[in-house]
N, C-alpha and C. Protein backbone atom coordinates (compact mmCIF):
# COMPACT_ATOMS: atom_id res chain seq x y z
N UNK A 1 -11.42 -57.71 39.59
CA UNK A 1 -12.11 -57.47 38.86
C UNK A 1 -11.81 -56.72 36.99
N UNK A 2 -10.10 -56.13 36.94
CA UNK A 2 -10.01 -55.32 35.71
C UNK A 2 -9.50 -56.85 34.65
N UNK A 3 -9.26 -57.51 35.72
CA UNK A 3 -9.13 -58.61 33.68
C UNK A 3 -10.06 -59.67 33.81
N UNK A 4 -10.57 -59.48 34.75
CA UNK A 4 -11.69 -60.58 33.96
C UNK A 4 -12.44 -60.42 32.78
N UNK A 5 -12.79 -61.38 32.76
CA UNK A 5 -13.84 -61.37 31.08
C UNK A 5 -14.33 -61.14 31.35
N UNK A 6 -15.80 -60.10 30.59
CA UNK A 6 -17.56 -59.77 30.04
C UNK A 6 -17.64 -60.69 30.24
N UNK A 7 -17.15 -62.26 30.05
CA UNK A 7 -18.24 -63.39 29.93
C UNK A 7 -18.35 -63.71 31.02
N UNK A 8 -17.63 -63.56 32.16
CA UNK A 8 -18.12 -63.90 33.69
C UNK A 8 -18.98 -63.06 34.42
N UNK A 9 -19.31 -61.38 33.71
CA UNK A 9 -20.38 -60.86 34.63
C UNK A 9 -21.91 -61.64 35.44
N UNK A 10 -21.67 -62.35 33.93
CA UNK A 10 -23.42 -63.20 34.73
C UNK A 10 -23.18 -63.97 35.89
N UNK A 11 -21.93 -64.12 36.79
CA UNK A 11 -21.44 -65.14 37.64
C UNK A 11 -21.25 -63.79 38.95
N UNK A 12 -21.21 -62.92 39.24
CA UNK A 12 -20.85 -62.41 40.35
C UNK A 12 -20.67 -63.04 41.45
N UNK A 13 -21.14 -63.86 41.88
CA UNK A 13 -21.13 -64.97 43.45
C UNK A 13 -19.68 -65.71 43.15
N UNK A 14 -19.25 -65.75 41.78
CA UNK A 14 -17.52 -66.16 41.91
C UNK A 14 -16.40 -65.72 42.56
N UNK A 15 -17.13 -64.06 43.03
CA UNK A 15 -16.01 -62.68 43.45
C UNK A 15 -16.35 -63.83 44.90
N UNK A 16 -17.43 -64.67 45.43
CA UNK A 16 -16.67 -64.30 47.05
C UNK A 16 -16.69 -65.93 47.19
N UNK A 17 -16.51 -66.40 48.89
CA UNK A 17 -16.05 -68.01 48.59
C UNK A 17 -14.52 -67.89 48.59
N UNK A 18 -14.09 -69.52 48.68
CA UNK A 18 -12.56 -69.62 48.17
C UNK A 18 -12.02 -69.55 47.37
N UNK A 19 -12.21 -68.38 46.19
CA UNK A 19 -11.95 -67.90 44.73
C UNK A 19 -11.42 -66.50 45.24
N UNK A 20 -9.89 -66.22 45.52
CA UNK A 20 -9.47 -65.59 46.11
C UNK A 20 -8.16 -64.87 44.74
N UNK A 21 -8.33 -65.31 43.64
CA UNK A 21 -7.20 -64.69 42.79
C UNK A 21 -7.88 -65.10 41.37
N UNK A 22 -7.41 -64.01 40.55
CA UNK A 22 -8.10 -64.37 39.67
C UNK A 22 -6.44 -63.46 38.37
N UNK A 23 -6.11 -64.67 37.17
CA UNK A 23 -4.34 -64.07 36.79
C UNK A 23 -5.21 -64.01 35.27
N UNK A 24 -4.12 -62.92 35.10
CA UNK A 24 -3.98 -62.64 33.69
C UNK A 24 -3.15 -63.16 33.56
N UNK A 25 -3.22 -64.03 31.73
CA UNK A 25 -1.88 -65.31 31.27
C UNK A 25 -1.71 -64.84 29.84
N UNK A 26 -0.35 -65.06 29.65
CA UNK A 26 -0.12 -64.42 27.94
C UNK A 26 0.14 -66.21 27.72
N UNK A 27 0.38 -65.07 26.13
CA UNK A 27 1.04 -66.31 25.56
C UNK A 27 0.89 -68.44 25.23
N UNK A 28 -0.34 -68.57 26.29
CA UNK A 28 -1.18 -69.85 26.31
C UNK A 28 -1.21 -70.47 24.72
N UNK A 29 -0.54 -71.88 24.94
CA UNK A 29 -0.90 -72.47 23.49
C UNK A 29 -0.63 -74.21 23.99
N UNK A 30 -1.83 -75.06 22.70
CA UNK A 30 -2.41 -76.19 23.12
C UNK A 30 -1.04 -76.85 22.90
N UNK A 31 -1.19 -77.65 24.35
CA UNK A 31 -0.30 -78.97 23.86
C UNK A 31 -0.45 -80.25 22.81
N UNK A 32 0.69 -80.65 22.70
CA UNK A 32 0.54 -81.73 21.32
C UNK A 32 -0.65 -82.56 22.26
N UNK A 33 -0.82 -83.75 21.43
CA UNK A 33 -1.75 -84.23 22.02
C UNK A 33 -1.29 -85.30 22.76
N UNK A 34 0.37 -85.71 22.50
CA UNK A 34 0.96 -87.07 23.31
C UNK A 34 1.63 -85.86 24.60
N UNK A 35 0.90 -85.41 24.97
CA UNK A 35 1.04 -84.44 26.25
C UNK A 35 -0.05 -84.24 26.81
N UNK A 36 -1.06 -84.15 26.87
CA UNK A 36 -2.71 -84.37 27.41
C UNK A 36 -2.47 -85.05 28.32
N UNK A 37 -2.99 -84.70 29.86
CA UNK A 37 -3.11 -85.29 31.06
C UNK A 37 -4.35 -85.50 31.17
N UNK A 38 -5.17 -85.97 31.59
CA UNK A 38 -6.33 -86.50 32.17
C UNK A 38 -6.15 -86.21 33.44
N UNK A 39 -7.53 -85.30 33.49
CA UNK A 39 -7.71 -85.31 35.35
C UNK A 39 -7.92 -86.24 35.77
N UNK A 40 -8.70 -87.28 35.66
CA UNK A 40 -8.62 -89.01 36.86
C UNK A 40 -7.18 -89.12 37.38
N UNK A 41 -6.19 -88.41 35.87
CA UNK A 41 -5.23 -89.42 37.01
C UNK A 41 -4.33 -88.20 37.47
N UNK A 42 -4.42 -87.12 38.02
CA UNK A 42 -4.10 -86.09 38.62
C UNK A 42 -4.67 -86.53 40.85
N UNK A 43 -3.55 -86.33 41.01
CA UNK A 43 -3.77 -87.00 42.59
C UNK A 43 -3.54 -85.82 43.49
N UNK A 44 -4.82 -85.22 45.03
CA UNK A 44 -4.58 -84.42 44.86
C UNK A 44 -3.15 -84.29 46.22
N UNK A 45 -3.00 -83.07 46.74
CA UNK A 45 -1.34 -83.00 47.21
C UNK A 45 -1.57 -83.81 48.67
N UNK A 46 -1.02 -84.71 49.15
CA UNK A 46 -0.54 -85.16 50.09
C UNK A 46 -1.90 -86.40 50.11
N UNK A 47 -2.52 -87.25 49.11
CA UNK A 47 -3.77 -87.82 48.42
C UNK A 47 -2.97 -89.01 48.88
N UNK A 48 -3.08 -90.21 48.28
CA UNK A 48 -2.65 -91.52 47.86
C UNK A 48 -3.19 -92.18 46.98
N UNK A 49 -4.09 -91.52 45.95
CA UNK A 49 -5.09 -91.95 45.32
C UNK A 49 -5.36 -90.90 43.74
N UNK A 50 -5.52 -91.71 42.99
CA UNK A 50 -5.41 -90.60 41.84
C UNK A 50 -7.49 -90.46 41.94
N UNK A 51 -7.68 -88.71 41.78
CA UNK A 51 -9.15 -88.68 41.54
C UNK A 51 -9.84 -90.03 41.13
N UNK A 52 -9.92 -90.01 39.82
CA UNK A 52 -10.85 -90.53 39.26
C UNK A 52 -11.04 -90.31 38.29
N UNK A 53 -11.93 -90.83 37.64
CA UNK A 53 -12.83 -90.51 36.03
C UNK A 53 -14.39 -89.90 36.64
N UNK A 54 -14.99 -89.96 37.75
CA UNK A 54 -15.97 -89.70 38.28
C UNK A 54 -15.65 -88.56 38.89
N UNK A 55 -14.26 -88.05 39.19
CA UNK A 55 -14.08 -86.61 39.97
C UNK A 55 -14.81 -84.95 39.17
N UNK A 56 -15.71 -84.47 39.99
CA UNK A 56 -15.68 -83.42 39.27
C UNK A 56 -15.23 -81.99 39.73
N UNK A 57 -14.69 -81.46 39.62
CA UNK A 57 -13.82 -80.26 40.19
C UNK A 57 -14.29 -79.19 40.70
N UNK A 58 -14.72 -78.42 41.64
CA UNK A 58 -15.40 -77.43 42.13
C UNK A 58 -15.06 -76.56 43.01
N UNK A 59 -13.28 -76.42 42.28
CA UNK A 59 -13.54 -74.73 43.12
C UNK A 59 -11.42 -75.54 43.05
N UNK A 60 -10.79 -74.34 43.18
CA UNK A 60 -9.64 -74.84 43.48
C UNK A 60 -8.65 -75.80 43.81
N UNK A 61 -7.82 -76.06 43.55
CA UNK A 61 -7.11 -77.11 44.73
C UNK A 61 -5.30 -77.90 44.25
N UNK A 62 -5.40 -78.47 45.16
CA UNK A 62 -3.42 -78.30 45.19
C UNK A 62 -3.40 -80.30 44.57
N UNK A 63 -2.38 -79.98 43.35
CA UNK A 63 -2.33 -81.12 43.23
C UNK A 63 -1.11 -82.06 43.35
N UNK A 64 -0.30 -83.17 43.07
CA UNK A 64 0.64 -83.66 42.74
C UNK A 64 0.12 -84.45 40.53
N UNK A 65 1.73 -83.72 40.33
CA UNK A 65 2.06 -84.09 38.79
C UNK A 65 2.10 -85.87 39.03
N UNK A 66 0.78 -86.45 37.58
CA UNK A 66 0.93 -87.48 37.93
C UNK A 66 2.90 -88.43 37.57
């Protein structure tokens, strides 16, 4: 809890279930637009086809890079 930002306080249920870890991240910066990736292009780990445009991520998941 020490690394969670105050904006997460209204969501105590995020601390239960499949969320096991919160990461402290430094030195993030935006990617150039030509390096942006669409979630629809990601393929789940050991899956055969991409998630597609209608896919709503609902928690952590393993992916293969497109």
